[in-house]
Amino acid sequence: MAIENLGWNTSSADNNSIADVHAIIPPNIVLKVVCVAALIMTLVVGVVGNILAMVSITMFKQLRSPSNVIVGGLCISDFTTCTVMTIITIASYLSEGQIFGYLKDGILGNGVCQVYGFLFIQSGGASIYCMVAIAINRYICVCRKHLFLAMFTIKNSVFCVVACHALAAVFSLPPFFNFSRYIFTRNEYICLMDRTGLGLYYLASLATGTGLVPLLIIGTCYIQIGLKIRQVQRQIHSQSGHISKRDIQVTKTLFVVFLSYVLSISPYQFIATFDHSRDPPFGLAVLFFSSSAINPVIYGMMNPQFRRAYRKILKPIGSHPQNNSIEIIVPGPSTTLSIIGQSTDNYNLKEITPKLQ
């Protein structure tokens, strides 16, 4: 189907003149510097944090749980955002969009523009779908405990992660089939879907499928979890309704991850969805990208197991723990005690098998 039949004027919209492009008022230099600095910080913190989280889940058996497999899927989409997306955005800000080829190809841009638009929606969609899976995981764990072990195995969680990323990719494909387009947005210096013509219908489906419906599911799950925890706290002596402190802590951590994500993407998504008269202002996408760096920091701050794993991984390479064990031979029945550790207020006495004379 020709693009002309889709409600777009290709002669005036697809390839705006170079004169029109040069008519763009560049962003304030101070704002540009601040945005680039924020993106560099997002890149550094996001790369280190997401690698730490993924390595922790892979290396340490106590973190290799079905729930954390889904967290690992979220880390993958966050890693894509804070590397590929952030680096290209920095290059675009510094070159005033020339990396997307707008001077030569107009607002349709080049191949980089098309890949960027695809990844923008795919990584964002994968993140929200992984959060839906996490919310359902927490709901089953807390409110339907008897179903948890059967539903959430490592294998099922891996399948769930693959499905989340695949579904997000499906939502990213329509612009390649003339259902909307990925175009260079000259106010933001990035490439996103066109919000005119059939793009409005695509935007509506995107807002529903990757926004409204997931948020309703996540909100419902966490409301039910909150009510269940409150009920159990009122009946604390009832063993039938017992919820472990660890499950509550994990749920709190993942709920904070969800809140930080919503706060990061809401301003950008609200303007992009409801204000069709203009593009979101320059630099607002930086806040959108920041969520990809915040999540692993939250894991480390709120989850003791992740925090211990981070510390073990970050130990200086080549450092060797000193042997602080002291053997004490007790007279009489030959028994050896080992005092482990140097802290005088926290000795750990470990009894060793008695030695035969």
Protein backbone atom coordinates (compact mmCIF):
# COMPACT_ATOMS: atom_id res chain seq x y z
CA MET A 1 0.00 0.00 0.00
CA ALA A 2 1.37 3.34 -0.95
CA ILE A 3 2.09 5.85 1.77
CA GLU A 4 -0.01 8.44 -0.05
CA ASN A 5 -3.11 6.38 0.68
CA LEU A 6 -2.47 6.40 4.40
CA GLY A 7 -3.25 10.05 4.96
CA TRP A 8 0.30 11.41 4.67
CA ASN A 9 1.46 14.00 2.18
CA THR A 10 4.76 12.51 1.15
CA SER A 11 5.84 15.48 -0.93
CA SER A 12 5.67 17.87 2.01
CA ALA A 13 6.00 15.66 5.08
CA ASP A 14 8.42 12.86 4.24
CA ASN A 15 11.30 14.97 3.02
CA ASN A 16 11.12 18.45 4.42
CA SER A 17 13.46 20.86 2.77
CA ILE A 18 16.91 21.47 4.16
CA ALA A 19 15.91 25.09 4.63
CA ASP A 20 13.10 24.02 6.95
CA VAL A 21 15.51 21.82 8.89
CA HIS A 22 17.95 24.68 9.35
CA ALA A 23 15.05 26.82 10.59
CA ILE A 24 15.00 24.76 13.79
CA ILE A 25 16.04 26.77 16.82
CA PRO A 26 18.80 24.78 18.53
CA PRO A 27 18.36 24.07 22.25
CA ASN A 28 19.97 26.28 24.87
CA ILE A 29 23.65 25.38 25.18
CA VAL A 30 23.39 25.05 28.98
CA LEU A 31 20.42 22.68 28.63
CA LYS A 32 22.31 20.64 26.06
CA VAL A 33 25.37 20.32 28.33
CA VAL A 34 23.19 19.29 31.28
CA CYS A 35 21.38 16.68 29.16
CA VAL A 36 24.59 15.22 27.76
CA ALA A 37 26.11 15.05 31.26
CA ALA A 38 22.98 13.32 32.58
CA LEU A 39 23.09 10.81 29.71
CA ILE A 40 26.77 10.06 30.36
CA MET A 41 25.94 9.44 34.02
CA THR A 42 23.04 7.20 32.98
CA LEU A 43 25.39 5.30 30.66
CA VAL A 44 28.05 4.71 33.32
CA VAL A 45 25.72 3.89 36.22
CA GLY A 46 23.40 1.84 34.02
CA VAL A 47 26.14 -0.27 32.44
CA VAL A 48 27.88 -1.01 35.75
CA GLY A 49 24.63 -1.54 37.66
CA ASN A 50 22.90 -3.79 35.15
CA ILE A 51 26.03 -5.89 34.60
CA LEU A 52 26.37 -6.28 38.37
CA ALA A 53 22.74 -7.36 38.66
CA MET A 54 22.94 -9.85 35.77
CA VAL A 55 26.26 -11.30 36.95
CA SER A 56 24.90 -11.59 40.52
CA ILE A 57 21.86 -13.55 39.34
CA THR A 58 24.08 -15.81 37.21
CA MET A 59 26.91 -16.38 39.71
CA PHE A 60 25.22 -16.75 43.07
CA LYS A 61 22.92 -19.69 43.66
CA GLN A 62 20.84 -17.92 46.31
CA LEU A 63 19.89 -15.29 43.70
CA ARG A 64 19.11 -17.82 40.97
CA SER A 65 15.38 -17.88 41.68
CA PRO A 66 12.43 -17.75 39.26
CA SER A 67 11.61 -14.23 40.44
CA ASN A 68 15.15 -13.00 39.80
CA VAL A 69 15.18 -14.59 36.35
CA ILE A 70 12.42 -12.13 35.43
CA VAL A 71 14.42 -9.34 37.09
CA GLY A 72 17.30 -10.41 34.83
CA GLY A 73 15.00 -9.97 31.82
CA LEU A 74 14.30 -6.43 33.00
CA CYS A 75 18.05 -5.85 33.30
CA ILE A 76 18.51 -6.89 29.66
CA SER A 77 16.06 -4.27 28.39
CA ASP A 78 17.55 -1.68 30.75
CA PHE A 79 21.05 -2.52 29.49
CA THR A 80 19.91 -1.98 25.90
CA THR A 81 18.45 1.39 26.84
CA CYS A 82 21.43 2.67 28.79
CA THR A 83 23.97 1.57 26.17
CA VAL A 84 22.71 1.63 22.58
CA MET A 85 19.95 4.19 23.09
CA THR A 86 21.94 6.48 25.36
CA ILE A 87 25.06 6.48 23.20
CA ILE A 88 23.10 7.28 20.02
CA THR A 89 21.18 10.02 21.84
CA ILE A 90 24.41 11.61 23.06
CA ALA A 91 25.77 11.52 19.50
CA SER A 92 22.57 13.08 18.20
CA TYR A 93 22.62 15.89 20.77
CA LEU A 94 26.26 16.69 19.98
CA SER A 95 25.73 16.56 16.20
CA GLU A 96 22.29 18.22 16.31
CA GLY A 97 20.68 15.14 14.82
CA GLN A 98 23.08 14.57 11.93
CA ILE A 99 23.73 10.99 13.06
CA PHE A 100 20.18 10.24 11.89
CA GLY A 101 20.89 11.67 8.43
CA TYR A 102 18.17 14.31 8.51
CA LEU A 103 20.15 16.72 6.31
CA LYS A 104 20.22 14.16 3.51
CA ASP A 105 17.08 12.09 4.05
CA GLY A 106 14.67 14.56 5.67
CA ILE A 107 12.52 13.61 8.64
CA LEU A 108 12.44 9.93 7.65
CA GLY A 109 16.13 9.79 8.50
CA ASN A 110 18.47 6.92 7.72
CA GLY A 111 18.83 3.35 8.92
CA VAL A 112 20.11 4.49 12.32
CA CYS A 113 16.90 6.48 12.76
CA GLN A 114 14.77 3.42 11.99
CA VAL A 115 16.73 1.14 14.34
CA TYR A 116 16.62 3.78 17.08
CA GLY A 117 12.84 4.15 16.81
CA PHE A 118 12.39 0.38 16.91
CA LEU A 119 14.63 -0.07 19.97
CA PHE A 120 13.03 2.88 21.76
CA ILE A 121 9.64 1.16 21.74
CA GLN A 122 10.95 -2.41 22.03
CA SER A 123 13.15 -1.82 25.09
CA GLY A 124 10.51 0.31 26.79
CA GLY A 125 7.80 -2.26 26.06
CA ALA A 126 9.99 -5.14 27.27
CA SER A 127 10.62 -3.28 30.53
CA ILE A 128 6.94 -2.72 31.27
CA TYR A 129 6.02 -6.30 30.32
CA CYS A 130 8.75 -7.67 32.60
CA MET A 131 7.31 -5.51 35.38
CA VAL A 132 3.88 -7.00 34.69
CA ALA A 133 5.42 -10.48 35.01
CA ILE A 134 7.17 -9.43 38.24
CA ALA A 135 3.91 -8.05 39.68
CA ILE A 136 2.05 -11.29 38.84
CA ASN A 137 4.96 -13.28 40.30
CA ARG A 138 4.72 -11.32 43.56
CA TYR A 139 0.94 -11.61 43.64
CA ILE A 140 1.06 -15.41 43.28
CA CYS A 141 3.87 -15.64 45.84
CA VAL A 142 2.05 -13.60 48.49
CA CYS A 143 -1.65 -14.19 47.79
CA ARG A 144 -1.70 -17.63 46.11
CA LYS A 145 1.27 -19.33 47.73
CA HIS A 146 0.02 -22.86 46.96
CA LEU A 147 0.28 -22.14 43.20
CA PHE A 148 3.67 -20.45 43.21
CA LEU A 149 6.04 -23.42 42.96
CA ALA A 150 4.02 -25.00 40.16
CA MET A 151 3.67 -21.83 38.10
CA PHE A 152 7.08 -20.20 38.56
CA THR A 153 9.95 -22.51 37.78
CA ILE A 154 13.25 -21.38 36.27
CA LYS A 155 12.17 -22.76 32.89
CA ASN A 156 8.80 -20.99 33.00
CA SER A 157 10.42 -17.73 34.04
CA VAL A 158 12.88 -17.88 31.14
CA PHE A 159 9.97 -18.48 28.75
CA CYS A 160 8.16 -15.53 30.34
CA VAL A 161 11.14 -13.22 29.75
CA VAL A 162 11.42 -14.30 26.11
CA ALA A 163 7.68 -13.73 25.65
CA CYS A 164 7.92 -10.22 27.17
CA HIS A 165 10.70 -9.18 24.78
CA ALA A 166 8.99 -10.81 21.78
CA LEU A 167 5.67 -9.09 22.48
CA ALA A 168 7.44 -5.73 22.77
CA ALA A 169 9.11 -6.38 19.41
CA VAL A 170 5.71 -7.06 17.84
CA PHE A 171 4.49 -3.65 19.01
CA SER A 172 7.62 -2.07 17.47
CA LEU A 173 7.12 -3.52 13.97
CA PRO A 174 4.04 -1.68 12.53
CA PRO A 175 6.00 1.42 11.40
CA PHE A 176 7.99 -0.83 9.06
CA PHE A 177 4.73 -1.83 7.35
CA ASN A 178 3.46 1.70 6.66
CA PHE A 179 1.35 1.74 9.81
CA SER A 180 2.83 4.98 11.14
CA ARG A 181 6.55 5.68 10.53
CA TYR A 182 9.72 6.25 12.50
CA ILE A 183 10.71 9.87 11.86
CA PHE A 184 13.26 12.38 13.08
CA THR A 185 11.63 14.66 15.68
CA ARG A 186 13.44 17.94 15.18
CA ASN A 187 12.50 19.38 18.55
CA GLU A 188 14.02 16.44 20.45
CA TYR A 189 16.81 15.37 18.05
CA ILE A 190 15.71 11.72 18.31
CA CYS A 191 13.65 9.35 16.15
CA LEU A 192 10.17 8.22 17.19
CA MET A 193 6.89 7.18 15.59
CA ASP A 194 4.95 9.68 13.52
CA ARG A 195 1.83 10.86 15.35
CA THR A 196 -0.11 11.99 12.28
CA GLY A 197 -2.39 10.05 9.92
CA LEU A 198 -2.49 6.37 10.83
CA GLY A 199 0.19 7.18 13.41
CA LEU A 200 -2.60 8.34 15.72
CA TYR A 201 -4.14 4.85 15.66
CA TYR A 202 -0.74 3.28 16.23
CA LEU A 203 -0.12 5.66 19.13
CA ALA A 204 -3.49 4.73 20.65
CA SER A 205 -2.74 1.00 20.38
CA LEU A 206 0.73 1.57 21.82
CA ALA A 207 -0.59 3.64 24.73
CA THR A 208 -3.14 0.92 25.48
CA GLY A 209 -0.98 -2.16 24.94
CA THR A 210 2.23 -0.93 26.58
CA GLY A 211 0.76 1.65 28.95
CA LEU A 212 -2.80 1.50 30.23
CA VAL A 213 -3.36 -2.28 30.35
CA PRO A 214 0.03 -3.15 31.92
CA LEU A 215 -0.35 -0.39 34.51
CA LEU A 216 -3.84 -1.64 35.45
CA ILE A 217 -2.54 -5.19 35.88
CA ILE A 218 0.46 -4.07 37.94
CA GLY A 219 -1.65 -1.74 40.08
CA THR A 220 -4.25 -4.45 40.75
CA CYS A 221 -1.56 -6.97 41.75
CA TYR A 222 0.18 -4.64 44.19
CA ILE A 223 -3.13 -3.49 45.73
CA GLN A 224 -4.04 -7.13 46.37
CA ILE A 225 -0.58 -7.77 47.81
CA GLY A 226 -0.90 -4.77 50.13
CA LEU A 227 -4.31 -5.93 51.37
CA LYS A 228 -2.98 -9.46 51.95
CA ILE A 229 0.03 -8.24 53.93
CA ARG A 230 -2.20 -6.01 56.03
CA GLN A 231 -4.55 -8.92 56.72
CA VAL A 232 -1.67 -11.17 57.78
CA GLN A 233 -0.23 -8.50 60.04
CA ARG A 234 -3.58 -8.32 61.84
CA GLN A 235 -3.58 -12.09 62.25
CA ILE A 236 0.11 -12.43 63.03
CA HIS A 237 -0.41 -15.52 65.20
CA SER A 238 -2.16 -17.41 62.44
CA GLN A 239 0.26 -19.80 60.80
CA SER A 240 -2.07 -20.39 57.86
CA GLY A 241 -1.64 -16.87 56.56
CA HIS A 242 2.08 -16.55 57.23
CA ILE A 243 4.16 -14.50 54.78
CA SER A 244 7.92 -14.56 55.20
CA LYS A 245 9.81 -11.34 55.84
CA ARG A 246 11.95 -12.10 52.80
CA ASP A 247 8.92 -12.27 50.50
CA ILE A 248 7.67 -8.95 51.88
CA GLN A 249 11.10 -7.33 51.41
CA VAL A 250 11.44 -8.60 47.84
CA THR A 251 7.94 -7.36 47.04
CA LYS A 252 8.71 -3.91 48.48
CA THR A 253 11.92 -3.71 46.44
CA LEU A 254 10.20 -4.58 43.17
CA PHE A 255 7.31 -2.22 43.91
CA VAL A 256 9.81 0.64 44.36
CA VAL A 257 11.37 -0.34 41.01
CA PHE A 258 7.94 -0.05 39.42
CA LEU A 259 7.26 3.35 41.03
CA SER A 260 10.62 4.74 39.88
CA TYR A 261 9.89 3.54 36.35
CA VAL A 262 6.46 5.20 36.29
CA LEU A 263 7.84 8.48 37.64
CA SER A 264 10.63 8.45 35.03
CA ILE A 265 8.51 7.74 31.96
CA SER A 266 5.22 9.45 32.87
CA PRO A 267 6.10 13.04 31.87
CA TYR A 268 7.41 12.01 28.47
CA GLN A 269 4.66 9.47 27.78
CA PHE A 270 1.89 11.86 28.83
CA ILE A 271 3.03 14.62 26.46
CA ALA A 272 3.75 12.23 23.59
CA THR A 273 0.34 10.59 23.95
CA PHE A 274 -2.00 13.50 24.64
CA ASP A 275 -0.33 16.60 23.18
CA HIS A 276 -0.30 16.03 19.41
CA SER A 277 0.27 19.68 18.57
CA ARG A 278 3.98 19.52 19.35
CA ASP A 279 6.82 17.16 20.16
CA PRO A 280 7.93 16.71 23.77
CA PRO A 281 10.50 19.36 24.76
CA PHE A 282 14.20 18.82 24.25
CA GLY A 283 15.82 16.78 27.01
CA LEU A 284 12.69 15.16 28.43
CA ALA A 285 13.78 11.81 26.96
CA VAL A 286 16.76 11.95 29.35
CA LEU A 287 14.37 11.37 32.25
CA PHE A 288 12.86 8.46 30.30
CA PHE A 289 16.29 6.83 29.93
CA SER A 290 17.24 7.38 33.58
CA SER A 291 14.98 4.56 34.78
CA SER A 292 17.33 2.03 33.15
CA ALA A 293 20.12 3.11 35.51
CA ILE A 294 18.01 3.49 38.65
CA ASN A 295 16.72 -0.09 38.88
CA PRO A 296 19.99 -1.91 39.74
CA VAL A 297 20.77 0.79 42.31
CA ILE A 298 17.43 0.07 43.99
CA TYR A 299 18.23 -3.66 44.06
CA GLY A 300 21.52 -2.94 45.83
CA MET A 301 20.02 -0.49 48.32
CA MET A 302 16.92 -2.47 49.32
CA ASN A 303 17.79 -6.13 48.79
CA PRO A 304 20.45 -7.53 51.18
CA GLN A 305 21.21 -10.49 48.92
CA PHE A 306 21.94 -8.27 45.92
CA ARG A 307 23.96 -5.94 48.15
CA ARG A 308 26.17 -8.80 49.37
CA ALA A 309 26.56 -10.09 45.81
CA TYR A 310 27.62 -6.62 44.58
CA ARG A 311 30.25 -6.42 47.32
CA LYS A 312 31.69 -9.81 46.44
CA ILE A 313 31.91 -8.97 42.75
CA LEU A 314 33.43 -5.55 43.38
CA LYS A 315 36.25 -6.85 45.56
CA PRO A 316 39.57 -5.62 44.11
CA ILE A 317 40.92 -8.08 41.56
CA GLY A 318 43.92 -9.91 42.95
CA SER A 319 43.12 -9.25 46.60
CA HIS A 320 43.23 -12.32 48.78
CA PRO A 321 41.38 -12.56 52.07
CA GLN A 322 43.71 -13.00 54.99
CA ASN A 323 43.53 -16.20 56.96
CA ASN A 324 42.34 -14.97 60.33
CA SER A 325 41.66 -18.40 61.82
CA ILE A 326 43.38 -19.21 65.10
CA GLU A 327 43.53 -22.80 66.24
CA ILE A 328 43.31 -23.46 69.96
CA ILE A 329 44.25 -26.88 71.24
CA VAL A 330 42.23 -27.57 74.37
CA PRO A 331 43.95 -29.89 76.85
CA GLY A 332 42.21 -33.12 77.78
CA PRO A 333 39.93 -34.68 75.17
CA SER A 334 41.68 -33.41 72.13
CA THR A 335 39.32 -30.91 70.48
CA THR A 336 40.33 -28.07 68.23
CA LEU A 337 38.45 -24.81 68.24
CA SER A 338 38.85 -22.28 65.48
CA ILE A 339 38.23 -18.57 66.09
CA ILE A 340 37.32 -16.93 62.82
CA GLY A 341 37.42 -13.20 62.26
CA GLN A 342 39.21 -10.29 63.87
CA SER A 343 36.26 -8.40 65.37
CA THR A 344 36.50 -8.80 69.15
CA ASP A 345 32.76 -8.40 69.54
CA ASN A 346 31.74 -10.91 66.91
CA TYR A 347 33.87 -14.05 67.21
CA ASN A 348 32.48 -17.17 65.69
CA LEU A 349 33.53 -20.37 67.44
CA LYS A 350 33.54 -23.37 65.18
CA GLU A 351 34.08 -26.81 66.58
CA ILE A 352 36.19 -29.15 64.51
CA THR A 353 36.01 -32.91 64.62
CA PRO A 354 37.99 -34.21 67.64
CA LYS A 355 41.48 -35.44 66.78
CA LEU A 356 42.37 -38.98 67.74
CA GLN A 357 45.57 -39.44 69.73
